[in-house]
Amino acid sequence: HASQTSHMDTLEDFVKGWLAMNAQA
């Protein structure tokens, strides 16, 4: 989804943050 995410340099870190919280839960 380049039109939505190409400007997001920290996309992976952002997404990993809440995925990690889910894993903790």
PDB file of all heavy atoms in Angstrom:
ATOM      1  N   HIS A   1       0.856  -1.193   0.000  1.00  0.00           N
ATOM      2  CA  HIS A   1       0.000   0.000   0.000  1.00  0.00           C
ATOM      3  C   HIS A   1       0.891   1.242   0.000  1.00  0.00           C
ATOM      4  O   HIS A   1       0.888   2.044   0.944  1.00  0.00           O
ATOM      5  CB  HIS A   1      -0.911  -0.010   1.223  1.00  0.00           C
ATOM      6  CG  HIS A   1      -1.859  -1.159   1.270  1.00  0.00           C
ATOM      7  ND1 HIS A   1      -3.034  -1.188   0.548  1.00  0.00           N
ATOM      8  CD2 HIS A   1      -1.803  -2.333   1.946  1.00  0.00           C
ATOM      9  CE1 HIS A   1      -3.659  -2.323   0.789  1.00  0.00           C
ATOM     10  NE2 HIS A   1      -2.937  -3.043   1.626  1.00  0.00           N
ATOM     11  N   ALA A   2       1.642   1.414  -1.073  1.00  0.00           N
ATOM     12  CA  ALA A   2       2.646   2.480  -1.111  1.00  0.00           C
ATOM     13  C   ALA A   2       2.030   3.864  -0.945  1.00  0.00           C
ATOM     14  O   ALA A   2       2.640   4.765  -0.352  1.00  0.00           O
ATOM     15  CB  ALA A   2       3.438   2.403  -2.415  1.00  0.00           C
ATOM     16  N   SER A   3       0.833   4.069  -1.452  1.00  0.00           N
ATOM     17  CA  SER A   3       0.198   5.382  -1.336  1.00  0.00           C
ATOM     18  C   SER A   3      -0.117   5.744   0.105  1.00  0.00           C
ATOM     19  O   SER A   3      -0.306   6.912   0.432  1.00  0.00           O
ATOM     20  CB  SER A   3      -1.087   5.429  -2.174  1.00  0.00           C
ATOM     21  OG  SER A   3      -2.093   4.579  -1.635  1.00  0.00           O
ATOM     22  N   GLN A   4      -0.169   4.746   0.971  1.00  0.00           N
ATOM     23  CA  GLN A   4      -0.496   4.957   2.381  1.00  0.00           C
ATOM     24  C   GLN A   4       0.702   4.827   3.301  1.00  0.00           C
ATOM     25  O   GLN A   4       0.700   5.408   4.394  1.00  0.00           O
ATOM     26  CB  GLN A   4      -1.559   3.940   2.831  1.00  0.00           C
ATOM     27  CG  GLN A   4      -2.751   3.829   1.915  1.00  0.00           C
ATOM     28  CD  GLN A   4      -3.483   5.138   1.723  1.00  0.00           C
ATOM     29  OE1 GLN A   4      -3.973   5.735   2.684  1.00  0.00           O
ATOM     30  NE2 GLN A   4      -3.555   5.609   0.491  1.00  0.00           N
ATOM     31  N   THR A   5       1.698   4.041   2.926  1.00  0.00           N
ATOM     32  CA  THR A   5       2.761   3.695   3.868  1.00  0.00           C
ATOM     33  C   THR A   5       4.163   4.114   3.439  1.00  0.00           C
ATOM     34  O   THR A   5       5.088   4.027   4.247  1.00  0.00           O
ATOM     35  CB  THR A   5       2.784   2.170   4.123  1.00  0.00           C
ATOM     36  OG1 THR A   5       3.082   1.477   2.889  1.00  0.00           O
ATOM     37  CG2 THR A   5       1.441   1.681   4.661  1.00  0.00           C
ATOM     38  N   SER A   6       4.342   4.594   2.204  1.00  0.00           N
ATOM     39  CA  SER A   6       5.707   4.879   1.735  1.00  0.00           C
ATOM     40  C   SER A   6       6.373   5.996   2.522  1.00  0.00           C
ATOM     41  O   SER A   6       7.602   6.079   2.598  1.00  0.00           O
ATOM     42  CB  SER A   6       5.695   5.230   0.244  1.00  0.00           C
ATOM     43  OG  SER A   6       4.921   6.392   0.003  1.00  0.00           O
ATOM     44  N   HIS A   7       5.575   6.867   3.137  1.00  0.00           N
ATOM     45  CA  HIS A   7       6.125   7.981   3.917  1.00  0.00           C
ATOM     46  C   HIS A   7       6.427   7.566   5.357  1.00  0.00           C
ATOM     47  O   HIS A   7       7.004   8.358   6.111  1.00  0.00           O
ATOM     48  CB  HIS A   7       5.111   9.131   3.949  1.00  0.00           C
ATOM     49  CG  HIS A   7       3.876   8.812   4.728  1.00  0.00           C
ATOM     50  ND1 HIS A   7       2.948   7.888   4.295  1.00  0.00           N
ATOM     51  CD2 HIS A   7       3.429   9.275   5.939  1.00  0.00           C
ATOM     52  CE1 HIS A   7       1.967   7.806   5.190  1.00  0.00           C
ATOM     53  NE2 HIS A   7       2.234   8.615   6.192  1.00  0.00           N
ATOM     54  N   MET A   8       6.069   6.344   5.740  1.00  0.00           N
ATOM     55  CA  MET A   8       6.181   5.915   7.136  1.00  0.00           C
ATOM     56  C   MET A   8       7.493   5.164   7.356  1.00  0.00           C
ATOM     57  O   MET A   8       7.575   3.947   7.216  1.00  0.00           O
ATOM     58  CB  MET A   8       4.977   5.034   7.503  1.00  0.00           C
ATOM     59  CG  MET A   8       3.636   5.744   7.356  1.00  0.00           C
ATOM     60  SD  MET A   8       2.200   4.653   7.631  1.00  0.00           S
ATOM     61  CE  MET A   8       2.356   4.370   9.405  1.00  0.00           C
ATOM     62  N   ASP A   9       8.530   5.920   7.713  1.00  0.00           N
ATOM     63  CA  ASP A   9       9.852   5.316   7.891  1.00  0.00           C
ATOM     64  C   ASP A   9       9.890   4.355   9.076  1.00  0.00           C
ATOM     65  O   ASP A   9      10.721   3.442   9.119  1.00  0.00           O
ATOM     66  CB  ASP A   9      10.904   6.418   8.096  1.00  0.00           C
ATOM     67  CG  ASP A   9      11.077   7.296   6.870  1.00  0.00           C
ATOM     68  OD1 ASP A   9      10.796   6.811   5.747  1.00  0.00           O
ATOM     69  OD2 ASP A   9      11.488   8.464   7.023  1.00  0.00           O
ATOM     70  N   THR A  10       9.011   4.550  10.036  1.00  0.00           N
ATOM     71  CA  THR A  10       9.018   3.721  11.247  1.00  0.00           C
ATOM     72  C   THR A  10       7.808   2.788  11.295  1.00  0.00           C
ATOM     73  O   THR A  10       7.393   2.373  12.381  1.00  0.00           O
ATOM     74  CB  THR A  10       9.037   4.614  12.502  1.00  0.00           C
ATOM     75  OG1 THR A  10       7.863   5.449  12.515  1.00  0.00           O
ATOM     76  CG2 THR A  10      10.285   5.482  12.537  1.00  0.00           C
ATOM     77  N   LEU A  11       7.253   2.447  10.121  1.00  0.00           N
ATOM     78  CA  LEU A  11       6.062   1.600  10.084  1.00  0.00           C
ATOM     79  C   LEU A  11       6.273   0.298  10.844  1.00  0.00           C
ATOM     80  O   LEU A  11       5.445  -0.096  11.678  1.00  0.00           O
ATOM     81  CB  LEU A  11       5.682   1.296   8.628  1.00  0.00           C
ATOM     82  CG  LEU A  11       4.551   0.276   8.428  1.00  0.00           C
ATOM     83  CD1 LEU A  11       3.229   0.842   8.936  1.00  0.00           C
ATOM     84  CD2 LEU A  11       4.440  -0.129   6.956  1.00  0.00           C
ATOM     85  N   GLU A  12       7.365  -0.404  10.551  1.00  0.00           N
ATOM     86  CA  GLU A  12       7.586  -1.704  11.176  1.00  0.00           C
ATOM     87  C   GLU A  12       7.677  -1.591  12.693  1.00  0.00           C
ATOM     88  O   GLU A  12       7.094  -2.400  13.426  1.00  0.00           O
ATOM     89  CB  GLU A  12       8.852  -2.352  10.607  1.00  0.00           C
ATOM     90  CG  GLU A  12       8.686  -2.920   9.199  1.00  0.00           C
ATOM     91  CD  GLU A  12       8.754  -1.864   8.102  1.00  0.00           C
ATOM     92  OE1 GLU A  12       8.976  -0.672   8.423  1.00  0.00           O
ATOM     93  OE2 GLU A  12       8.580  -2.205   6.915  1.00  0.00           O
ATOM     94  N   ASP A  13       8.396  -0.588  13.164  1.00  0.00           N
ATOM     95  CA  ASP A  13       8.517  -0.420  14.618  1.00  0.00           C
ATOM     96  C   ASP A  13       7.175  -0.085  15.246  1.00  0.00           C
ATOM     97  O   ASP A  13       6.829  -0.600  16.322  1.00  0.00           O
ATOM     98  CB  ASP A  13       9.525   0.687  14.937  1.00  0.00           C
ATOM     99  CG  ASP A  13      10.945   0.288  14.604  1.00  0.00           C
ATOM    100  OD1 ASP A  13      11.221  -0.930  14.520  1.00  0.00           O
ATOM    101  OD2 ASP A  13      11.779   1.189  14.420  1.00  0.00           O
ATOM    102  N   PHE A  14       6.397   0.768  14.586  1.00  0.00           N
ATOM    103  CA  PHE A  14       5.078   1.144  15.095  1.00  0.00           C
ATOM    104  C   PHE A  14       4.170  -0.080  15.211  1.00  0.00           C
ATOM    105  O   PHE A  14       3.543  -0.317  16.243  1.00  0.00           O
ATOM    106  CB  PHE A  14       4.468   2.196  14.171  1.00  0.00           C
ATOM    107  CG  PHE A  14       3.002   2.432  14.379  1.00  0.00           C
ATOM    108  CD1 PHE A  14       2.535   3.078  15.515  1.00  0.00           C
ATOM    109  CD2 PHE A  14       2.070   2.019  13.434  1.00  0.00           C
ATOM    110  CE1 PHE A  14       1.184   3.302  15.711  1.00  0.00           C
ATOM    111  CE2 PHE A  14       0.718   2.234  13.616  1.00  0.00           C
ATOM    112  CZ  PHE A  14       0.272   2.879  14.767  1.00  0.00           C
ATOM    113  N   VAL A  15       4.124  -0.871  14.143  1.00  0.00           N
ATOM    114  CA  VAL A  15       3.252  -2.039  14.130  1.00  0.00           C
ATOM    115  C   VAL A  15       3.749  -3.092  15.121  1.00  0.00           C
ATOM    116  O   VAL A  15       2.956  -3.696  15.859  1.00  0.00           O
ATOM    117  CB  VAL A  15       3.132  -2.623  12.712  1.00  0.00           C
ATOM    118  CG1 VAL A  15       2.373  -3.943  12.720  1.00  0.00           C
ATOM    119  CG2 VAL A  15       2.440  -1.619  11.791  1.00  0.00           C
ATOM    120  N   LYS A  16       5.041  -3.297  15.168  1.00  0.00           N
ATOM    121  CA  LYS A  16       5.587  -4.276  16.111  1.00  0.00           C
ATOM    122  C   LYS A  16       5.251  -3.914  17.556  1.00  0.00           C
ATOM    123  O   LYS A  16       5.045  -4.802  18.393  1.00  0.00           O
ATOM    124  CB  LYS A  16       7.105  -4.377  15.953  1.00  0.00           C
ATOM    125  CG  LYS A  16       7.560  -5.215  14.772  1.00  0.00           C
ATOM    126  CD  LYS A  16       9.082  -5.295  14.736  1.00  0.00           C
ATOM    127  CE  LYS A  16       9.572  -6.207  13.627  1.00  0.00           C
ATOM    128  NZ  LYS A  16      11.050  -6.267  13.600  1.00  0.00           N
ATOM    129  N   GLY A  17       5.141  -2.622  17.837  1.00  0.00           N
ATOM    130  CA  GLY A  17       4.838  -2.191  19.193  1.00  0.00           C
ATOM    131  C   GLY A  17       3.513  -2.729  19.686  1.00  0.00           C
ATOM    132  O   GLY A  17       3.443  -3.321  20.774  1.00  0.00           O
ATOM    133  N   TRP A  18       2.452  -2.561  18.880  1.00  0.00           N
ATOM    134  CA  TRP A  18       1.166  -3.065  19.379  1.00  0.00           C
ATOM    135  C   TRP A  18       0.999  -4.557  19.165  1.00  0.00           C
ATOM    136  O   TRP A  18       0.263  -5.215  19.908  1.00  0.00           O
ATOM    137  CB  TRP A  18      -0.020  -2.266  18.852  1.00  0.00           C
ATOM    138  CG  TRP A  18      -0.126  -1.933  17.414  1.00  0.00           C
ATOM    139  CD1 TRP A  18       0.293  -0.799  16.794  1.00  0.00           C
ATOM    140  CD2 TRP A  18      -0.732  -2.735  16.385  1.00  0.00           C
ATOM    141  NE1 TRP A  18      -0.007  -0.840  15.441  1.00  0.00           N
ATOM    142  CE2 TRP A  18      -0.636  -2.009  15.172  1.00  0.00           C
ATOM    143  CE3 TRP A  18      -1.339  -3.988  16.371  1.00  0.00           C
ATOM    144  CZ2 TRP A  18      -1.118  -2.505  13.959  1.00  0.00           C
ATOM    145  CZ3 TRP A  18      -1.822  -4.478  15.171  1.00  0.00           C
ATOM    146  CH2 TRP A  18      -1.705  -3.741  13.988  1.00  0.00           C
ATOM    147  N   LEU A  19       1.714  -5.147  18.197  1.00  0.00           N
ATOM    148  CA  LEU A  19       1.693  -6.612  18.083  1.00  0.00           C
ATOM    149  C   LEU A  19       2.372  -7.257  19.285  1.00  0.00           C
ATOM    150  O   LEU A  19       1.947  -8.322  19.752  1.00  0.00           O
ATOM    151  CB  LEU A  19       2.373  -7.052  16.793  1.00  0.00           C
ATOM    152  CG  LEU A  19       1.703  -6.672  15.472  1.00  0.00           C
ATOM    153  CD1 LEU A  19       2.526  -7.190  14.302  1.00  0.00           C
ATOM    154  CD2 LEU A  19       0.275  -7.192  15.397  1.00  0.00           C
ATOM    155  N   ALA A  20       3.427  -6.613  19.786  1.00  0.00           N
ATOM    156  CA  ALA A  20       4.112  -7.133  20.974  1.00  0.00           C
ATOM    157  C   ALA A  20       3.207  -7.034  22.203  1.00  0.00           C
ATOM    158  O   ALA A  20       3.194  -7.938  23.054  1.00  0.00           O
ATOM    159  CB  ALA A  20       5.408  -6.369  21.207  1.00  0.00           C
ATOM    160  N   MET A  21       2.431  -5.947  22.301  1.00  0.00           N
ATOM    161  CA  MET A  21       1.489  -5.832  23.424  1.00  0.00           C
ATOM    162  C   MET A  21       0.412  -6.909  23.352  1.00  0.00           C
ATOM    163  O   MET A  21       0.021  -7.472  24.379  1.00  0.00           O
ATOM    164  CB  MET A  21       0.864  -4.437  23.436  1.00  0.00           C
ATOM    165  CG  MET A  21       1.817  -3.345  23.878  1.00  0.00           C
ATOM    166  SD  MET A  21       1.000  -1.748  24.198  1.00  0.00           S
ATOM    167  CE  MET A  21       0.498  -1.302  22.529  1.00  0.00           C
ATOM    168  N   ASN A  22      -0.044  -7.217  22.140  1.00  0.00           N
ATOM    169  CA  ASN A  22      -0.996  -8.316  21.981  1.00  0.00           C
ATOM    170  C   ASN A  22      -0.386  -9.629  22.438  1.00  0.00           C
ATOM    171  O   ASN A  22      -1.047 -10.434  23.111  1.00  0.00           O
ATOM    172  CB  ASN A  22      -1.424  -8.440  20.512  1.00  0.00           C
ATOM    173  CG  ASN A  22      -2.305  -7.303  20.043  1.00  0.00           C
ATOM    174  OD1 ASN A  22      -2.930  -6.612  20.829  1.00  0.00           O
ATOM    175  ND2 ASN A  22      -2.340  -7.102  18.736  1.00  0.00           N
ATOM    176  N   ALA A  23       0.863  -9.860  22.048  1.00  0.00           N
ATOM    177  CA  ALA A  23       1.522 -11.109  22.424  1.00  0.00           C
ATOM    178  C   ALA A  23       1.677 -11.206  23.940  1.00  0.00           C
ATOM    179  O   ALA A  23       1.525 -12.282  24.530  1.00  0.00           O
ATOM    180  CB  ALA A  23       2.881 -11.202  21.734  1.00  0.00           C
ATOM    181  N   GLN A  24       1.962 -10.078  24.562  1.00  0.00           N
ATOM    182  CA  GLN A  24       2.071 -10.069  26.023  1.00  0.00           C
ATOM    183  C   GLN A  24       0.726 -10.401  26.656  1.00  0.00           C
ATOM    184  O   GLN A  24       0.655 -11.177  27.617  1.00  0.00           O
ATOM    185  CB  GLN A  24       2.562  -8.704  26.495  1.00  0.00           C
ATOM    186  CG  GLN A  24       2.832  -8.626  27.982  1.00  0.00           C
ATOM    187  CD  GLN A  24       3.401  -7.284  28.392  1.00  0.00           C
ATOM    188  OE1 GLN A  24       3.172  -6.270  27.740  1.00  0.00           O
ATOM    189  NE2 GLN A  24       4.148  -7.266  29.483  1.00  0.00           N
ATOM    190  N   ALA A  25      -0.355  -9.820  26.123  1.00  0.00           N
ATOM    191  CA  ALA A  25      -1.695 -10.112  26.648  1.00  0.00           C
ATOM    192  C   ALA A  25      -2.041 -11.583  26.473  1.00  0.00           C
ATOM    193  O   ALA A  25      -2.757 -12.163  27.299  1.00  0.00           O
ATOM    194  CB  ALA A  25      -2.730  -9.240  25.948  1.00  0.00           C
TER     195      ALA A  25
END
